[in-house]
PDB file of all heavy atoms in Angstrom:
ATOM      1  N   ALA A   1       0.830  -1.208   0.000  1.00  0.00           N
ATOM      2  CA  ALA A   1       0.000   0.000   0.000  1.00  0.00           C
ATOM      3  C   ALA A   1       0.862   1.254   0.000  1.00  0.00           C
ATOM      4  O   ALA A   1       0.589   2.216  -0.733  1.00  0.00           O
ATOM      5  CB  ALA A   1      -0.928  -0.009   1.220  1.00  0.00           C
ATOM      6  N   VAL A   2       1.916   1.265   0.823  1.00  0.00           N
ATOM      7  CA  VAL A   2       2.798   2.431   0.876  1.00  0.00           C
ATOM      8  C   VAL A   2       3.545   2.602  -0.439  1.00  0.00           C
ATOM      9  O   VAL A   2       3.670   3.710  -0.973  1.00  0.00           O
ATOM     10  CB  VAL A   2       3.787   2.302   2.058  1.00  0.00           C
ATOM     11  CG1 VAL A   2       4.829   3.412   2.023  1.00  0.00           C
ATOM     12  CG2 VAL A   2       3.036   2.332   3.385  1.00  0.00           C
ATOM     13  N   ALA A   3       4.040   1.502  -0.999  1.00  0.00           N
ATOM     14  CA  ALA A   3       4.787   1.581  -2.264  1.00  0.00           C
ATOM     15  C   ALA A   3       3.913   2.121  -3.384  1.00  0.00           C
ATOM     16  O   ALA A   3       4.372   2.906  -4.219  1.00  0.00           O
ATOM     17  CB  ALA A   3       5.327   0.205  -2.631  1.00  0.00           C
ATOM     18  N   ARG A   4       2.656   1.729  -3.419  1.00  0.00           N
ATOM     19  CA  ARG A   4       1.764   2.201  -4.470  1.00  0.00           C
ATOM     20  C   ARG A   4       1.357   3.656  -4.254  1.00  0.00           C
ATOM     21  O   ARG A   4       1.208   4.413  -5.209  1.00  0.00           O
ATOM     22  CB  ARG A   4       0.531   1.307  -4.531  1.00  0.00           C
ATOM     23  CG  ARG A   4       0.814  -0.029  -5.188  1.00  0.00           C
ATOM     24  CD  ARG A   4      -0.356  -0.968  -5.090  1.00  0.00           C
ATOM     25  NE  ARG A   4      -0.118  -2.158  -5.907  1.00  0.00           N
ATOM     26  CZ  ARG A   4      -0.778  -3.294  -5.777  1.00  0.00           C
ATOM     27  NH1 ARG A   4      -1.699  -3.398  -4.845  1.00  0.00           N
ATOM     28  NH2 ARG A   4      -0.513  -4.313  -6.546  1.00  0.00           N
ATOM     29  N   ALA A   5       1.149   4.037  -3.004  1.00  0.00           N
ATOM     30  CA  ALA A   5       0.765   5.421  -2.741  1.00  0.00           C
ATOM     31  C   ALA A   5       1.890   6.388  -3.076  1.00  0.00           C
ATOM     32  O   ALA A   5       1.645   7.503  -3.532  1.00  0.00           O
ATOM     33  CB  ALA A   5       0.345   5.575  -1.284  1.00  0.00           C
ATOM     34  N   TYR A   6       3.140   5.948  -2.847  1.00  0.00           N
ATOM     35  CA  TYR A   6       4.298   6.806  -3.083  1.00  0.00           C
ATOM     36  C   TYR A   6       5.140   6.248  -4.228  1.00  0.00           C
ATOM     37  O   TYR A   6       6.347   6.096  -4.108  1.00  0.00           O
ATOM     38  CB  TYR A   6       5.151   6.898  -1.813  1.00  0.00           C
ATOM     39  CG  TYR A   6       4.499   7.661  -0.690  1.00  0.00           C
ATOM     40  CD1 TYR A   6       3.686   7.009   0.220  1.00  0.00           C
ATOM     41  CD2 TYR A   6       4.695   9.027  -0.551  1.00  0.00           C
ATOM     42  CE1 TYR A   6       3.084   7.697   1.259  1.00  0.00           C
ATOM     43  CE2 TYR A   6       4.104   9.728   0.481  1.00  0.00           C
ATOM     44  CZ  TYR A   6       3.300   9.060   1.382  1.00  0.00           C
ATOM     45  OH  TYR A   6       2.702   9.754   2.416  1.00  0.00           O
ATOM     46  N   GLN A   7       4.496   5.963  -5.360  1.00  0.00           N
ATOM     47  CA  GLN A   7       5.228   5.299  -6.434  1.00  0.00           C
ATOM     48  C   GLN A   7       6.367   6.153  -6.981  1.00  0.00           C
ATOM     49  O   GLN A   7       7.331   5.616  -7.528  1.00  0.00           O
ATOM     50  CB  GLN A   7       4.300   4.933  -7.575  1.00  0.00           C
ATOM     51  CG  GLN A   7       3.772   6.121  -8.369  1.00  0.00           C
ATOM     52  CD  GLN A   7       2.315   6.372  -8.101  1.00  0.00           C
ATOM     53  OE1 GLN A   7       1.542   5.449  -8.097  1.00  0.00           O
ATOM     54  NE2 GLN A   7       1.951   7.597  -7.885  1.00  0.00           N
ATOM     55  N   ALA A   8       6.304   7.474  -6.859  1.00  0.00           N
ATOM     56  CA  ALA A   8       7.391   8.316  -7.372  1.00  0.00           C
ATOM     57  C   ALA A   8       8.641   8.212  -6.515  1.00  0.00           C
ATOM     58  O   ALA A   8       9.751   8.445  -6.998  1.00  0.00           O
ATOM     59  CB  ALA A   8       6.942   9.774  -7.445  1.00  0.00           C
ATOM     60  N   ALA A   9       8.486   7.875  -5.245  1.00  0.00           N
ATOM     61  CA  ALA A   9       9.632   7.797  -4.336  1.00  0.00           C
ATOM     62  C   ALA A   9       9.333   6.790  -3.238  1.00  0.00           C
ATOM     63  O   ALA A   9       9.188   7.154  -2.078  1.00  0.00           O
ATOM     64  CB  ALA A   9       9.916   9.177  -3.737  1.00  0.00           C
ATOM     65  N   PRO A  10       9.231   5.501  -3.564  1.00  0.00           N
ATOM     66  CA  PRO A  10       8.811   4.519  -2.557  1.00  0.00           C
ATOM     67  C   PRO A  10       9.830   4.271  -1.462  1.00  0.00           C
ATOM     68  O   PRO A  10       9.451   3.939  -0.337  1.00  0.00           O
ATOM     69  CB  PRO A  10       8.564   3.249  -3.381  1.00  0.00           C
ATOM     70  CG  PRO A  10       9.413   3.414  -4.595  1.00  0.00           C
ATOM     71  CD  PRO A  10       9.414   4.883  -4.890  1.00  0.00           C
ATOM     72  N   ARG A  11      11.136   4.404  -1.759  1.00  0.00           N
ATOM     73  CA  ARG A  11      12.125   4.059  -0.742  1.00  0.00           C
ATOM     74  C   ARG A  11      12.020   4.980   0.470  1.00  0.00           C
ATOM     75  O   ARG A  11      12.143   4.539   1.609  1.00  0.00           O
ATOM     76  CB  ARG A  11      13.530   4.120  -1.343  1.00  0.00           C
ATOM     77  CG  ARG A  11      13.809   3.040  -2.373  1.00  0.00           C
ATOM     78  CD  ARG A  11      15.283   2.959  -2.714  1.00  0.00           C
ATOM     79  NE  ARG A  11      15.504   1.998  -3.784  1.00  0.00           N
ATOM     80  CZ  ARG A  11      15.787   2.319  -5.039  1.00  0.00           C
ATOM     81  NH1 ARG A  11      15.897   3.589  -5.382  1.00  0.00           N
ATOM     82  NH2 ARG A  11      15.964   1.391  -5.940  1.00  0.00           N
ATOM     83  N   ALA A  12      11.840   6.275   0.240  1.00  0.00           N
ATOM     84  CA  ALA A  12      11.748   7.214   1.360  1.00  0.00           C
ATOM     85  C   ALA A  12      10.516   6.922   2.206  1.00  0.00           C
ATOM     86  O   ALA A  12      10.575   6.905   3.442  1.00  0.00           O
ATOM     87  CB  ALA A  12      11.716   8.653   0.840  1.00  0.00           C
ATOM     88  N   ALA A  13       9.377   6.686   1.555  1.00  0.00           N
ATOM     89  CA  ALA A  13       8.152   6.394   2.295  1.00  0.00           C
ATOM     90  C   ALA A  13       8.256   5.067   3.040  1.00  0.00           C
ATOM     91  O   ALA A  13       7.827   4.949   4.194  1.00  0.00           O
ATOM     92  CB  ALA A  13       6.961   6.375   1.341  1.00  0.00           C
ATOM     93  N   LEU A  14       8.830   4.055   2.396  1.00  0.00           N
ATOM     94  CA  LEU A  14       8.995   2.763   3.064  1.00  0.00           C
ATOM     95  C   LEU A  14      10.004   2.849   4.203  1.00  0.00           C
ATOM     96  O   LEU A  14       9.936   2.070   5.156  1.00  0.00           O
ATOM     97  CB  LEU A  14       9.418   1.698   2.056  1.00  0.00           C
ATOM     98  CG  LEU A  14       8.282   1.202   1.152  1.00  0.00           C
ATOM     99  CD1 LEU A  14       8.822   0.407  -0.019  1.00  0.00           C
ATOM    100  CD2 LEU A  14       7.288   0.361   1.945  1.00  0.00           C
ATOM    101  N   GLY A  15      10.943   3.790   4.124  1.00  0.00           N
ATOM    102  CA  GLY A  15      11.843   4.016   5.254  1.00  0.00           C
ATOM    103  C   GLY A  15      11.082   4.469   6.481  1.00  0.00           C
ATOM    104  O   GLY A  15      11.336   4.023   7.606  1.00  0.00           O
ATOM    105  N   ILE A  16      10.110   5.383   6.282  1.00  0.00           N
ATOM    106  CA  ILE A  16       9.271   5.822   7.398  1.00  0.00           C
ATOM    107  C   ILE A  16       8.415   4.660   7.904  1.00  0.00           C
ATOM    108  O   ILE A  16       8.277   4.447   9.116  1.00  0.00           O
ATOM    109  CB  ILE A  16       8.393   7.004   6.971  1.00  0.00           C
ATOM    110  CG1 ILE A  16       9.260   8.229   6.685  1.00  0.00           C
ATOM    111  CG2 ILE A  16       7.360   7.336   8.044  1.00  0.00           C
ATOM    112  CD1 ILE A  16       8.486   9.434   6.205  1.00  0.00           C
ATOM    113  N   TYR A  17       7.837   3.912   6.968  1.00  0.00           N
ATOM    114  CA  TYR A  17       7.027   2.758   7.360  1.00  0.00           C
ATOM    115  C   TYR A  17       7.843   1.760   8.180  1.00  0.00           C
ATOM    116  O   TYR A  17       7.384   1.255   9.211  1.00  0.00           O
ATOM    117  CB  TYR A  17       6.465   2.103   6.097  1.00  0.00           C
ATOM    118  CG  TYR A  17       5.965   0.697   6.294  1.00  0.00           C
ATOM    119  CD1 TYR A  17       4.747   0.444   6.915  1.00  0.00           C
ATOM    120  CD2 TYR A  17       6.729  -0.394   5.870  1.00  0.00           C
ATOM    121  CE1 TYR A  17       4.295  -0.855   7.099  1.00  0.00           C
ATOM    122  CE2 TYR A  17       6.283  -1.689   6.040  1.00  0.00           C
ATOM    123  CZ  TYR A  17       5.070  -1.913   6.657  1.00  0.00           C
ATOM    124  OH  TYR A  17       4.629  -3.198   6.851  1.00  0.00           O
ATOM    125  N   ASN A  18       9.064   1.462   7.749  1.00  0.00           N
ATOM    126  CA  ASN A  18       9.911   0.532   8.500  1.00  0.00           C
ATOM    127  C   ASN A  18      10.286   1.088   9.864  1.00  0.00           C
ATOM    128  O   ASN A  18      10.409   0.339  10.843  1.00  0.00           O
ATOM    129  CB  ASN A  18      11.172   0.214   7.691  1.00  0.00           C
ATOM    130  CG  ASN A  18      10.887  -0.727   6.547  1.00  0.00           C
ATOM    131  OD1 ASN A  18      10.055  -1.618   6.653  1.00  0.00           O
ATOM    132  ND2 ASN A  18      11.561  -0.519   5.422  1.00  0.00           N
ATOM    133  N   PHE A  19      10.483   2.393   9.943  1.00  0.00           N
ATOM    134  CA  PHE A  19      10.792   3.023  11.224  1.00  0.00           C
ATOM    135  C   PHE A  19       9.653   2.813  12.217  1.00  0.00           C
ATOM    136  O   PHE A  19       9.886   2.591  13.411  1.00  0.00           O
ATOM    137  CB  PHE A  19      11.047   4.512  11.004  1.00  0.00           C
ATOM    138  CG  PHE A  19      11.182   5.315  12.266  1.00  0.00           C
ATOM    139  CD1 PHE A  19      12.330   5.256  13.028  1.00  0.00           C
ATOM    140  CD2 PHE A  19      10.144   6.127  12.692  1.00  0.00           C
ATOM    141  CE1 PHE A  19      12.449   5.998  14.196  1.00  0.00           C
ATOM    142  CE2 PHE A  19      10.247   6.862  13.850  1.00  0.00           C
ATOM    143  CZ  PHE A  19      11.409   6.804  14.608  1.00  0.00           C
ATOM    144  N   THR A  20       8.402   2.874  11.762  1.00  0.00           N
ATOM    145  CA  THR A  20       7.276   2.686  12.679  1.00  0.00           C
ATOM    146  C   THR A  20       7.287   1.292  13.293  1.00  0.00           C
ATOM    147  O   THR A  20       6.829   1.103  14.424  1.00  0.00           O
ATOM    148  CB  THR A  20       5.932   2.928  11.968  1.00  0.00           C
ATOM    149  OG1 THR A  20       5.771   1.972  10.898  1.00  0.00           O
ATOM    150  CG2 THR A  20       5.851   4.329  11.401  1.00  0.00           C
ATOM    151  N   GLY A  21       7.794   0.305  12.544  1.00  0.00           N
ATOM    152  CA  GLY A  21       7.898  -1.032  13.123  1.00  0.00           C
ATOM    153  C   GLY A  21       8.824  -1.058  14.315  1.00  0.00           C
ATOM    154  O   GLY A  21       8.531  -1.714  15.328  1.00  0.00           O
ATOM    155  N   ASP A  22       9.944  -0.336  14.238  1.00  0.00           N
ATOM    156  CA  ASP A  22      10.854  -0.267  15.373  1.00  0.00           C
ATOM    157  C   ASP A  22      10.224   0.463  16.546  1.00  0.00           C
ATOM    158  O   ASP A  22      10.491   0.151  17.713  1.00  0.00           O
ATOM    159  CB  ASP A  22      12.150   0.426  14.959  1.00  0.00           C
ATOM    160  CG  ASP A  22      13.095  -0.511  14.208  1.00  0.00           C
ATOM    161  OD1 ASP A  22      12.660  -1.622  13.879  1.00  0.00           O
ATOM    162  OD2 ASP A  22      14.245  -0.124  13.961  1.00  0.00           O
ATOM    163  N   VAL A  23       9.381   1.451  16.250  1.00  0.00           N
ATOM    164  CA  VAL A  23       8.643   2.123  17.325  1.00  0.00           C
ATOM    165  C   VAL A  23       7.757   1.114  18.059  1.00  0.00           C
ATOM    166  O   VAL A  23       7.697   1.084  19.295  1.00  0.00           O
ATOM    167  CB  VAL A  23       7.792   3.278  16.765  1.00  0.00           C
ATOM    168  CG1 VAL A  23       6.865   3.848  17.840  1.00  0.00           C
ATOM    169  CG2 VAL A  23       8.687   4.386  16.211  1.00  0.00           C
ATOM    170  N   GLY A  24       7.078   0.261  17.288  1.00  0.00           N
ATOM    171  CA  GLY A  24       6.227  -0.752  17.911  1.00  0.00           C
ATOM    172  C   GLY A  24       7.012  -1.757  18.729  1.00  0.00           C
ATOM    173  O   GLY A  24       6.583  -2.164  19.818  1.00  0.00           O
ATOM    174  N   LYS A  25       8.192  -2.152  18.216  1.00  0.00           N
ATOM    175  CA  LYS A  25       9.032  -3.108  18.955  1.00  0.00           C
ATOM    176  C   LYS A  25       9.480  -2.549  20.294  1.00  0.00           C
ATOM    177  O   LYS A  25       9.715  -3.305  21.244  1.00  0.00           O
ATOM    178  CB  LYS A  25      10.249  -3.472  18.116  1.00  0.00           C
ATOM    179  CG  LYS A  25       9.930  -4.307  16.885  1.00  0.00           C
ATOM    180  CD  LYS A  25      11.172  -4.546  16.038  1.00  0.00           C
ATOM    181  CE  LYS A  25      10.844  -5.342  14.789  1.00  0.00           C
ATOM    182  NZ  LYS A  25      12.021  -5.568  13.933  1.00  0.00           N
ATOM    183  N   ALA A  26       9.632  -1.233  20.370  1.00  0.00           N
ATOM    184  CA  ALA A  26      10.044  -0.609  21.627  1.00  0.00           C
ATOM    185  C   ALA A  26       8.841  -0.291  22.520  1.00  0.00           C
ATOM    186  O   ALA A  26       8.858  -0.565  23.720  1.00  0.00           O
ATOM    187  CB  ALA A  26      10.839   0.668  21.339  1.00  0.00           C
ATOM    188  N   ALA A  27       7.794   0.271  21.926  1.00  0.00           N
ATOM    189  CA  ALA A  27       6.691   0.812  22.722  1.00  0.00           C
ATOM    190  C   ALA A  27       5.771  -0.267  23.282  1.00  0.00           C
ATOM    191  O   ALA A  27       5.396  -0.225  24.467  1.00  0.00           O
ATOM    192  CB  ALA A  27       5.887   1.794  21.877  1.00  0.00           C
ATOM    193  N   VAL A  28       5.365  -1.241  22.454  1.00  0.00           N
ATOM    194  CA  VAL A  28       4.378  -2.222  22.923  1.00  0.00           C
ATOM    195  C   VAL A  28       4.954  -3.136  24.008  1.00  0.00           C
ATOM    196  O   VAL A  28       4.310  -3.339  25.051  1.00  0.00           O
ATOM    197  CB  VAL A  28       3.821  -3.027  21.737  1.00  0.00           C
ATOM    198  CG1 VAL A  28       2.879  -4.129  22.227  1.00  0.00           C
ATOM    199  CG2 VAL A  28       3.083  -2.098  20.769  1.00  0.00           C
ATOM    200  N   PRO A  29       6.162  -3.709  23.837  1.00  0.00           N
ATOM    201  CA  PRO A  29       6.715  -4.485  24.960  1.00  0.00           C
ATOM    202  C   PRO A  29       6.935  -3.654  26.218  1.00  0.00           C
ATOM    203  O   PRO A  29       6.714  -4.153  27.333  1.00  0.00           O
ATOM    204  CB  PRO A  29       8.053  -5.000  24.396  1.00  0.00           C
ATOM    205  CG  PRO A  29       7.854  -5.023  22.921  1.00  0.00           C
ATOM    206  CD  PRO A  29       7.003  -3.824  22.630  1.00  0.00           C
ATOM    207  N   ALA A  30       7.356  -2.384  26.061  1.00  0.00           N
ATOM    208  CA  ALA A  30       7.555  -1.533  27.234  1.00  0.00           C
ATOM    209  C   ALA A  30       6.234  -1.283  27.946  1.00  0.00           C
ATOM    210  O   ALA A  30       6.151  -1.351  29.187  1.00  0.00           O
ATOM    211  CB  ALA A  30       8.204  -0.210  26.825  1.00  0.00           C
ATOM    212  N   ALA A  31       5.180  -0.995  27.181  1.00  0.00           N
ATOM    213  CA  ALA A  31       3.866  -0.780  27.784  1.00  0.00           C
ATOM    214  C   ALA A  31       3.351  -2.065  28.438  1.00  0.00           C
ATOM    215  O   ALA A  31       2.720  -2.033  29.502  1.00  0.00           O
ATOM    216  CB  ALA A  31       2.887  -0.291  26.722  1.00  0.00           C
ATOM    217  N   THR A  32       3.639  -3.202  27.800  1.00  0.00           N
ATOM    218  CA  THR A  32       3.234  -4.488  28.376  1.00  0.00           C
ATOM    219  C   THR A  32       3.941  -4.736  29.704  1.00  0.00           C
ATOM    220  O   THR A  32       3.314  -5.162  30.693  1.00  0.00           O
ATOM    221  CB  THR A  32       3.555  -5.621  27.396  1.00  0.00           C
ATOM    222  OG1 THR A  32       2.847  -5.406  26.173  1.00  0.00           O
ATOM    223  CG2 THR A  32       3.159  -6.980  27.973  1.00  0.00           C
ATOM    224  N   ALA A  33       5.238  -4.481  29.748  1.00  0.00           N
ATOM    225  CA  ALA A  33       5.996  -4.662  30.991  1.00  0.00           C
ATOM    226  C   ALA A  33       5.458  -3.766  32.089  1.00  0.00           C
ATOM    227  O   ALA A  33       5.355  -4.180  33.260  1.00  0.00           O
ATOM    228  CB  ALA A  33       7.478  -4.367  30.738  1.00  0.00           C
ATOM    229  N   LEU A  34       5.085  -2.539  31.740  1.00  0.00           N
ATOM    230  CA  LEU A  34       4.522  -1.621  32.742  1.00  0.00           C
ATOM    231  C   LEU A  34       3.172  -2.118  33.238  1.00  0.00           C
ATOM    232  O   LEU A  34       2.889  -2.103  34.444  1.00  0.00           O
ATOM    233  CB  LEU A  34       4.388  -0.225  32.122  1.00  0.00           C
ATOM    234  CG  LEU A  34       3.867   0.877  33.049  1.00  0.00           C
ATOM    235  CD1 LEU A  34       4.828   1.094  34.213  1.00  0.00           C
ATOM    236  CD2 LEU A  34       3.681   2.178  32.262  1.00  0.00           C
ATOM    237  N   ALA A  35       2.328  -2.579  32.315  1.00  0.00           N
ATOM    238  CA  ALA A  35       1.014  -3.081  32.712  1.00  0.00           C
ATOM    239  C   ALA A  35       1.118  -4.311  33.598  1.00  0.00           C
ATOM    240  O   ALA A  35       0.290  -4.525  34.492  1.00  0.00           O
ATOM    241  CB  ALA A  35       0.184  -3.387  31.463  1.00  0.00           C
ATOM    242  N   LEU A  36       2.145  -5.136  33.365  1.00  0.00           N
ATOM    243  CA  LEU A  36       2.314  -6.359  34.162  1.00  0.00           C
ATOM    244  C   LEU A  36       2.678  -6.081  35.605  1.00  0.00           C
ATOM    245  O   LEU A  36       2.599  -6.982  36.450  1.00  0.00           O
ATOM    246  CB  LEU A  36       3.389  -7.242  33.521  1.00  0.00           C
ATOM    247  CG  LEU A  36       2.990  -7.941  32.221  1.00  0.00           C
ATOM    248  CD1 LEU A  36       4.191  -8.575  31.551  1.00  0.00           C
ATOM    249  CD2 LEU A  36       1.907  -8.995  32.475  1.00  0.00           C
ATOM    250  N   THR A  37       3.066  -4.859  35.914  1.00  0.00           N
ATOM    251  CA  THR A  37       3.362  -4.517  37.315  1.00  0.00           C
ATOM    252  C   THR A  37       2.094  -4.343  38.137  1.00  0.00           C
ATOM    253  O   THR A  37       2.157  -4.373  39.370  1.00  0.00           O
ATOM    254  CB  THR A  37       4.198  -3.232  37.386  1.00  0.00           C
ATOM    255  OG1 THR A  37       3.454  -2.142  36.839  1.00  0.00           O
ATOM    256  CG2 THR A  37       5.504  -3.395  36.627  1.00  0.00           C
ATOM    257  N   VAL A  38       0.950  -4.163  37.461  1.00  0.00           N
ATOM    258  CA  VAL A  38      -0.300  -3.931  38.194  1.00  0.00           C
ATOM    259  C   VAL A  38      -1.400  -4.923  37.834  1.00  0.00           C
ATOM    260  O   VAL A  38      -2.415  -4.992  38.527  1.00  0.00           O
ATOM    261  CB  VAL A  38      -0.818  -2.494  37.960  1.00  0.00           C
ATOM    262  CG1 VAL A  38       0.146  -1.479  38.560  1.00  0.00           C
ATOM    263  CG2 VAL A  38      -1.018  -2.214  36.477  1.00  0.00           C
ATOM    264  N   LEU A  39      -1.216  -5.698  36.734  1.00  0.00           N
ATOM    265  CA  LEU A  39      -2.246  -6.625  36.298  1.00  0.00           C
ATOM    266  C   LEU A  39      -1.650  -8.000  36.026  1.00  0.00           C
ATOM    267  O   LEU A  39      -0.481  -8.100  35.633  1.00  0.00           O
ATOM    268  CB  LEU A  39      -2.923  -6.120  35.013  1.00  0.00           C
ATOM    269  CG  LEU A  39      -3.775  -4.855  35.110  1.00  0.00           C
ATOM    270  CD1 LEU A  39      -4.189  -4.403  33.697  1.00  0.00           C
ATOM    271  CD2 LEU A  39      -5.004  -5.086  35.973  1.00  0.00           C
ATOM    272  N   PRO A  40      -2.439  -9.078  36.178  1.00  0.00           N
ATOM    273  CA  PRO A  40      -1.976 -10.409  35.770  1.00  0.00           C
ATOM    274  C   PRO A  40      -1.780 -10.462  34.262  1.00  0.00           C
ATOM    275  O   PRO A  40      -2.409  -9.711  33.507  1.00  0.00           O
ATOM    276  CB  PRO A  40      -3.118 -11.339  36.212  1.00  0.00           C
ATOM    277  CG  PRO A  40      -3.908 -10.557  37.208  1.00  0.00           C
ATOM    278  CD  PRO A  40      -3.763  -9.129  36.813  1.00  0.00           C
ATOM    279  N   TRP A  41      -0.938 -11.394  33.791  1.00  0.00           N
ATOM    280  CA  TRP A  41      -0.606 -11.415  32.371  1.00  0.00           C
ATOM    281  C   TRP A  41      -1.807 -11.718  31.488  1.00  0.00           C
ATOM    282  O   TRP A  41      -1.902 -11.219  30.361  1.00  0.00           O
ATOM    283  CB  TRP A  41       0.530 -12.400  32.096  1.00  0.00           C
ATOM    284  CG  TRP A  41       0.236 -13.865  32.293  1.00  0.00           C
ATOM    285  CD1 TRP A  41       0.437 -14.594  33.413  1.00  0.00           C
ATOM    286  CD2 TRP A  41      -0.299 -14.764  31.307  1.00  0.00           C
ATOM    287  NE1 TRP A  41       0.063 -15.906  33.216  1.00  0.00           N
ATOM    288  CE2 TRP A  41      -0.393 -16.034  31.918  1.00  0.00           C
ATOM    289  CE3 TRP A  41      -0.707 -14.631  29.991  1.00  0.00           C
ATOM    290  CZ2 TRP A  41      -0.879 -17.148  31.258  1.00  0.00           C
ATOM    291  CZ3 TRP A  41      -1.200 -15.751  29.312  1.00  0.00           C
ATOM    292  CH2 TRP A  41      -1.274 -16.991  29.955  1.00  0.00           C
ATOM    293  N   ARG A  42      -2.766 -12.498  31.985  1.00  0.00           N
ATOM    294  CA  ARG A  42      -3.942 -12.802  31.170  1.00  0.00           C
ATOM    295  C   ARG A  42      -4.782 -11.547  30.916  1.00  0.00           C
ATOM    296  O   ARG A  42      -5.251 -11.313  29.801  1.00  0.00           O
ATOM    297  CB  ARG A  42      -4.793 -13.875  31.850  1.00  0.00           C
ATOM    298  CG  ARG A  42      -4.192 -15.274  31.759  1.00  0.00           C
ATOM    299  CD  ARG A  42      -5.129 -16.315  32.356  1.00  0.00           C
ATOM    300  NE  ARG A  42      -4.661 -17.678  32.085  1.00  0.00           N
ATOM    301  CZ  ARG A  42      -3.754 -18.313  32.780  1.00  0.00           C
ATOM    302  NH1 ARG A  42      -3.170 -17.698  33.818  1.00  0.00           N
ATOM    303  NH2 ARG A  42      -3.389 -19.541  32.459  1.00  0.00           N
ATOM    304  N   GLU A  43      -4.949 -10.732  31.939  1.00  0.00           N
ATOM    305  CA  GLU A  43      -5.717  -9.492  31.754  1.00  0.00           C
ATOM    306  C   GLU A  43      -4.977  -8.515  30.846  1.00  0.00           C
ATOM    307  O   GLU A  43      -5.596  -7.772  30.074  1.00  0.00           O
ATOM    308  CB  GLU A  43      -6.014  -8.859  33.112  1.00  0.00           C
ATOM    309  CG  GLU A  43      -6.943  -9.702  33.963  1.00  0.00           C
ATOM    310  CD  GLU A  43      -7.264  -9.035  35.290  1.00  0.00           C
ATOM    311  OE1 GLU A  43      -6.969  -7.828  35.442  1.00  0.00           O
ATOM    312  OE2 GLU A  43      -7.801  -9.719  36.174  1.00  0.00           O
ATOM    313  N   VAL A  44      -3.660  -8.517  30.918  1.00  0.00           N
ATOM    314  CA  VAL A  44      -2.878  -7.668  30.016  1.00  0.00           C
ATOM    315  C   VAL A  44      -3.093  -8.104  28.567  1.00  0.00           C
ATOM    316  O   VAL A  44      -3.241  -7.269  27.663  1.00  0.00           O
ATOM    317  CB  VAL A  44      -1.382  -7.718  30.397  1.00  0.00           C
ATOM    318  CG1 VAL A  44      -0.538  -7.003  29.341  1.00  0.00           C
ATOM    319  CG2 VAL A  44      -1.164  -7.077  31.762  1.00  0.00           C
TER     320      VAL A  44
END
């Protein structure tokens, strides 16, 4: 979807898209670890 939307310059747009994946790798596990301090893992 990103490559087609930015067909004139897909590498730059896909660079941003790939960067968001690293944001998720950092943010979601960190938020999960924080939630586990107050909730059981099943509720998390």
